[in-house]
Amino acid sequence: MSENLITKDDVLGALRGARIHPSIPDVIVAIINITRSDRASLTDLVNAIEKDEVLSKRLMSIGNSGFFGKERKVRHVQEAVVMMGWNNVKMISLGSTIMKVISKTDMRLYGHAIKTAQYAHYIATEAKLYKIEDITLVGLLHNIGSVILLTYFTNEALQAKQYAIKHGVPIQVAERAVLGVDHAEIGGWTVAEWKLPDNIIETISEHHDFYHQSFHARKTAAIHIGECLALMADYTGPAWEKINTIHPDAVKKLGFSEDDFRSLALKCLKKKFEPIIM
């Protein structure tokens, strides 16, 4: 492995010095600042959201979509925030906005995030995991480190991609060889800076290298498997791209036998999913 060309200090410095993208609206900057503050309250979050009509309508729509399995009609932003929870609202606000930015700059990365979220949600449902809605949101954000690389470290990201093409290895392997760090770890640093929960940080950081003894291993397993299936389903991907192998410990951690998982994976790949409302 090379000496780190990109360090944690480099990433945090970039995050604190500028927006992720010029089109990120002021409300998301405000929400990120609120997440960084130990003194911020639920009222601060509600007030920030209510200043942006588009985001307010989006949260109300998601709150009333059945995404959280609630039957009571949500009529106000505060009700949506209370129902969804502080962290879910942060993730939806950040995720939906960042996804819109990705859709304008890299449609392939955008499509991969959507597929990963759908597949991971399906796998997690079959495994009867707790807080299924978290899985979808983490699926959407799991490659946020790639966005950070493309935005702040464009030349380095290109070097890693060229290495992956030349050596026929997955992109995270190429990133480690060239940069000394991969997009998963960078994504973990990013969401930690935004003060998202430990389970989100761990799942994003470890979605490539699954560790069956980590504290949030079951959630990480669902994202890991979901991403691998999403890559398998992406037949439009470049010929040089090497598909990640599903870690057998991830399958075991979710309680599936090999035969059951093969059947489940096949159903997942053939299933037509409802669009994700973001």
Protein backbone atom coordinates (compact mmCIF):
# COMPACT_ATOMS: atom_id res chain seq x y z
CA MET A 1 0.00 0.00 0.00
CA SER A 2 1.21 3.46 -0.82
CA GLU A 3 1.76 6.22 1.65
CA ASN A 4 -1.51 8.05 2.19
CA LEU A 5 -1.94 10.72 -0.46
CA ILE A 6 -5.27 11.65 1.10
CA THR A 7 -5.52 11.82 4.87
CA LYS A 8 -8.39 12.28 7.28
CA ASP A 9 -7.21 15.84 7.93
CA ASP A 10 -7.32 16.53 4.17
CA VAL A 11 -10.93 15.32 3.96
CA LEU A 12 -12.12 17.17 7.06
CA GLY A 13 -10.37 20.31 5.91
CA ALA A 14 -12.15 20.11 2.55
CA LEU A 15 -15.53 19.49 4.19
CA ARG A 16 -15.13 22.42 6.57
CA GLY A 17 -13.76 24.76 3.96
CA ALA A 18 -16.39 24.52 1.22
CA ARG A 19 -19.69 23.01 0.25
CA ILE A 20 -19.78 19.54 -1.29
CA HIS A 21 -21.14 21.10 -4.46
CA PRO A 22 -22.08 24.67 -5.46
CA SER A 23 -25.70 23.62 -6.03
CA ILE A 24 -26.15 22.38 -2.46
CA PRO A 25 -28.78 24.76 -1.05
CA ASP A 26 -28.33 26.86 2.06
CA VAL A 27 -30.74 24.69 4.06
CA ILE A 28 -28.42 21.68 3.74
CA VAL A 29 -25.46 23.76 4.87
CA ALA A 30 -27.58 24.80 7.87
CA ILE A 31 -28.56 21.20 8.62
CA ILE A 32 -24.93 20.07 8.44
CA ASN A 33 -23.96 22.84 10.86
CA ILE A 34 -26.79 21.80 13.19
CA THR A 35 -25.58 18.20 13.12
CA ARG A 36 -22.11 19.37 14.13
CA SER A 37 -23.41 21.28 17.13
CA ASP A 38 -23.81 19.60 20.51
CA ARG A 39 -26.17 22.40 21.55
CA ALA A 40 -28.61 22.21 18.62
CA SER A 41 -32.21 21.22 19.36
CA LEU A 42 -35.09 19.66 17.47
CA THR A 43 -36.57 23.14 17.14
CA ASP A 44 -33.39 24.35 15.42
CA LEU A 45 -33.72 21.54 12.89
CA VAL A 46 -37.43 22.22 12.25
CA ASN A 47 -36.80 25.95 11.83
CA ALA A 48 -34.01 25.30 9.31
CA ILE A 49 -36.16 22.94 7.25
CA GLU A 50 -39.20 25.23 7.26
CA LYS A 51 -37.15 27.97 5.60
CA ASP A 52 -36.86 25.79 2.49
CA GLU A 53 -40.20 25.08 0.82
CA VAL A 54 -38.86 22.35 -1.48
CA LEU A 55 -37.26 20.32 1.31
CA SER A 56 -40.31 20.84 3.57
CA LYS A 57 -42.60 19.42 0.89
CA ARG A 58 -40.21 16.54 0.25
CA LEU A 59 -40.13 15.54 3.91
CA MET A 60 -43.91 15.80 4.18
CA SER A 61 -44.28 13.64 1.08
CA ILE A 62 -41.92 10.99 2.44
CA GLY A 63 -43.64 11.13 5.83
CA ASN A 64 -46.99 10.42 4.17
CA SER A 65 -45.73 7.85 1.67
CA GLY A 66 -45.82 4.80 3.93
CA PHE A 67 -42.00 4.75 3.97
CA PHE A 68 -42.09 4.68 7.76
CA GLY A 69 -45.16 2.47 7.98
CA LYS A 70 -47.29 5.09 9.71
CA GLU A 71 -51.00 5.50 9.00
CA ARG A 72 -51.51 8.91 10.63
CA LYS A 73 -51.42 11.83 8.22
CA VAL A 74 -48.46 14.20 8.70
CA ARG A 75 -49.57 17.82 8.32
CA HIS A 76 -46.59 19.84 9.60
CA VAL A 77 -42.81 19.68 9.33
CA GLN A 78 -42.49 19.31 13.09
CA GLU A 79 -44.78 16.26 13.02
CA ALA A 80 -42.66 14.75 10.25
CA VAL A 81 -39.45 15.38 12.20
CA VAL A 82 -40.89 13.88 15.39
CA MET A 83 -42.26 10.84 13.53
CA MET A 84 -39.14 10.16 11.47
CA GLY A 85 -36.64 11.00 14.18
CA TRP A 86 -33.75 13.45 14.28
CA ASN A 87 -31.23 11.20 12.52
CA ASN A 88 -33.60 9.99 9.80
CA VAL A 89 -34.53 13.57 8.93
CA LYS A 90 -30.86 14.49 8.72
CA MET A 91 -30.15 11.51 6.47
CA ILE A 92 -33.18 12.14 4.24
CA SER A 93 -32.34 15.83 3.95
CA LEU A 94 -28.69 15.18 3.16
CA GLY A 95 -29.36 12.07 1.09
CA SER A 96 -32.07 13.49 -1.13
CA THR A 97 -30.12 16.66 -1.86
CA ILE A 98 -26.83 14.89 -2.44
CA MET A 99 -28.59 12.34 -4.67
CA LYS A 100 -29.91 15.17 -6.81
CA VAL A 101 -26.38 16.53 -7.15
CA ILE A 102 -25.08 13.05 -8.09
CA SER A 103 -27.84 12.67 -10.69
CA LYS A 104 -26.59 15.82 -12.41
CA THR A 105 -22.92 14.83 -12.38
CA ASP A 106 -22.69 11.00 -12.50
CA MET A 107 -25.82 9.07 -13.48
CA ARG A 108 -24.07 5.74 -13.10
CA LEU A 109 -23.15 6.45 -9.49
CA TYR A 110 -26.71 7.67 -8.93
CA GLY A 111 -28.26 4.52 -10.41
CA HIS A 112 -25.93 2.34 -8.35
CA ALA A 113 -26.95 4.10 -5.12
CA ILE A 114 -30.65 3.57 -5.91
CA LYS A 115 -30.15 -0.12 -6.71
CA THR A 116 -28.03 -0.69 -3.61
CA ALA A 117 -30.70 0.91 -1.42
CA GLN A 118 -33.47 -1.21 -2.98
CA TYR A 119 -31.58 -4.49 -2.82
CA ALA A 120 -30.28 -3.88 0.70
CA HIS A 121 -33.79 -3.01 1.90
CA TYR A 122 -35.13 -6.24 0.37
CA ILE A 123 -32.38 -8.36 1.92
CA ALA A 124 -32.80 -6.65 5.31
CA THR A 125 -36.56 -7.23 5.22
CA GLU A 126 -36.08 -10.93 4.53
CA ALA A 127 -33.55 -11.08 7.38
CA LYS A 128 -36.07 -9.29 9.65
CA LEU A 129 -33.66 -6.53 10.63
CA TYR A 130 -34.69 -3.70 12.95
CA LYS A 131 -35.32 -0.18 11.54
CA ILE A 132 -35.53 -1.19 7.89
CA GLU A 133 -35.91 2.43 6.80
CA ASP A 134 -32.35 3.09 7.99
CA ILE A 135 -31.09 0.49 5.51
CA THR A 136 -32.58 2.35 2.55
CA LEU A 137 -31.09 5.65 3.64
CA VAL A 138 -27.64 4.17 4.25
CA GLY A 139 -27.87 2.45 0.87
CA LEU A 140 -28.36 5.82 -0.78
CA LEU A 141 -25.44 7.37 1.12
CA HIS A 142 -23.06 4.40 1.16
CA ASN A 143 -20.82 5.82 -1.59
CA ILE A 144 -20.75 9.39 -0.30
CA GLY A 145 -16.97 8.96 -0.11
CA SER A 146 -16.89 8.63 -3.90
CA VAL A 147 -18.71 11.96 -4.18
CA ILE A 148 -16.13 13.55 -1.86
CA LEU A 149 -13.28 12.13 -3.94
CA LEU A 150 -14.76 13.29 -7.24
CA THR A 151 -15.50 16.75 -5.86
CA TYR A 152 -12.42 17.64 -3.83
CA PHE A 153 -9.75 15.22 -5.08
CA THR A 154 -10.57 14.86 -8.77
CA ASN A 155 -7.04 14.12 -10.01
CA GLU A 156 -6.44 11.51 -7.33
CA ALA A 157 -9.79 9.85 -8.09
CA LEU A 158 -8.82 9.67 -11.76
CA GLN A 159 -5.47 8.07 -10.89
CA ALA A 160 -7.28 5.41 -8.87
CA LYS A 161 -9.72 4.71 -11.72
CA GLN A 162 -6.84 4.32 -14.18
CA TYR A 163 -5.16 1.88 -11.78
CA ALA A 164 -8.38 -0.14 -11.53
CA ILE A 165 -8.63 -0.34 -15.33
CA LYS A 166 -4.97 -1.29 -15.78
CA HIS A 167 -4.89 -3.95 -13.07
CA GLY A 168 -8.49 -5.22 -13.29
CA VAL A 169 -9.27 -4.71 -9.61
CA PRO A 170 -12.28 -3.22 -7.78
CA ILE A 171 -12.13 0.53 -7.36
CA GLN A 172 -11.67 0.36 -3.59
CA VAL A 173 -8.57 -1.83 -4.07
CA ALA A 174 -7.19 0.67 -6.56
CA GLU A 175 -7.91 3.59 -4.22
CA ARG A 176 -5.99 1.93 -1.39
CA ALA A 177 -3.05 1.17 -3.67
CA VAL A 178 -2.88 4.68 -5.12
CA LEU A 179 -4.26 6.90 -2.35
CA GLY A 180 -3.68 4.84 0.79
CA VAL A 181 -7.39 5.07 1.63
CA ASP A 182 -10.64 4.07 -0.10
CA HIS A 183 -13.97 5.81 -0.62
CA ALA A 184 -15.65 3.75 2.11
CA GLU A 185 -13.30 5.07 4.79
CA ILE A 186 -13.59 8.59 3.39
CA GLY A 187 -17.38 8.22 3.53
CA GLY A 188 -17.12 7.20 7.18
CA TRP A 189 -15.05 10.29 7.99
CA THR A 190 -17.62 12.43 6.18
CA VAL A 191 -20.73 11.19 8.00
CA ALA A 192 -18.83 11.24 11.30
CA GLU A 193 -18.09 14.92 10.65
CA TRP A 194 -21.84 15.38 10.14
CA LYS A 195 -22.36 13.59 13.48
CA LEU A 196 -24.58 10.85 12.14
CA PRO A 197 -24.99 7.81 14.43
CA ASP A 198 -22.22 5.28 14.98
CA ASN A 199 -24.14 2.54 13.16
CA ILE A 200 -24.26 4.69 10.01
CA ILE A 201 -20.57 5.55 10.27
CA GLU A 202 -19.59 1.91 10.72
CA THR A 203 -21.82 0.61 7.94
CA ILE A 204 -20.55 3.13 5.40
CA SER A 205 -16.91 2.63 6.45
CA GLU A 206 -17.06 -1.17 6.27
CA HIS A 207 -19.46 -1.89 3.42
CA HIS A 208 -16.64 -3.36 1.31
CA ASP A 209 -14.61 -5.11 4.01
CA PHE A 210 -17.23 -6.91 6.04
CA TYR A 211 -16.21 -7.73 9.63
CA HIS A 212 -18.63 -10.21 11.18
CA GLN A 213 -17.66 -9.26 14.74
CA SER A 214 -18.20 -5.52 14.40
CA PHE A 215 -20.95 -4.01 16.55
CA HIS A 216 -23.35 -3.22 13.69
CA ALA A 217 -22.40 -6.19 11.52
CA ARG A 218 -25.96 -7.19 10.50
CA LYS A 219 -26.77 -3.76 9.06
CA THR A 220 -23.37 -3.66 7.34
CA ALA A 221 -24.02 -7.14 5.92
CA ALA A 222 -27.26 -5.97 4.30
CA ILE A 223 -25.52 -2.97 2.66
CA HIS A 224 -22.53 -5.08 1.61
CA ILE A 225 -24.75 -7.69 -0.05
CA GLY A 226 -27.04 -5.05 -1.54
CA GLU A 227 -24.11 -3.29 -3.19
CA CYS A 228 -22.66 -6.53 -4.57
CA LEU A 229 -26.03 -7.46 -6.07
CA ALA A 230 -26.41 -3.94 -7.48
CA LEU A 231 -23.05 -4.29 -9.23
CA MET A 232 -24.04 -7.70 -10.58
CA ALA A 233 -27.27 -6.23 -11.96
CA ASP A 234 -25.45 -3.32 -13.62
CA TYR A 235 -24.94 -4.86 -17.04
CA THR A 236 -24.17 -1.45 -18.49
CA GLY A 237 -21.01 -1.24 -16.41
CA PRO A 238 -17.61 -1.12 -18.18
CA ALA A 239 -16.03 -4.40 -19.24
CA TRP A 240 -12.96 -3.78 -17.09
CA GLU A 241 -14.89 -3.47 -13.83
CA LYS A 242 -14.39 -6.35 -11.44
CA ILE A 243 -17.51 -7.25 -9.45
CA ASN A 244 -17.03 -7.47 -5.69
CA THR A 245 -17.45 -10.90 -4.15
CA ILE A 246 -20.14 -11.33 -1.51
CA HIS A 247 -18.47 -12.18 1.79
CA PRO A 248 -19.81 -15.55 3.04
CA ASP A 249 -19.75 -14.28 6.63
CA ALA A 250 -22.23 -11.55 5.64
CA VAL A 251 -24.67 -14.20 4.43
CA LYS A 252 -24.25 -16.17 7.66
CA LYS A 253 -24.60 -13.05 9.80
CA LEU A 254 -28.07 -12.47 8.35
CA GLY A 255 -29.07 -16.06 9.11
CA PHE A 256 -29.29 -17.39 5.54
CA SER A 257 -28.07 -20.80 4.42
CA GLU A 258 -26.15 -20.87 1.12
CA ASP A 259 -29.07 -22.45 -0.73
CA ASP A 260 -31.62 -20.05 0.75
CA PHE A 261 -29.43 -17.09 -0.10
CA ARG A 262 -28.95 -18.17 -3.73
CA SER A 263 -32.71 -18.35 -4.12
CA LEU A 264 -33.20 -15.03 -2.34
CA ALA A 265 -30.53 -13.28 -4.41
CA LEU A 266 -32.12 -14.51 -7.63
CA LYS A 267 -35.52 -13.21 -6.54
CA CYS A 268 -33.95 -9.90 -5.59
CA LEU A 269 -32.27 -9.48 -8.98
CA LYS A 270 -35.51 -10.27 -10.82
CA LYS A 271 -37.77 -8.16 -8.63
CA LYS A 272 -39.22 -4.90 -9.94
CA PHE A 273 -38.96 -2.37 -7.14
CA GLU A 274 -41.14 0.62 -6.42
CA PRO A 275 -39.33 3.94 -7.01
CA ILE A 276 -37.63 5.39 -3.94
CA ILE A 277 -39.26 8.66 -2.97
CA MET A 278 -36.42 11.11 -2.37
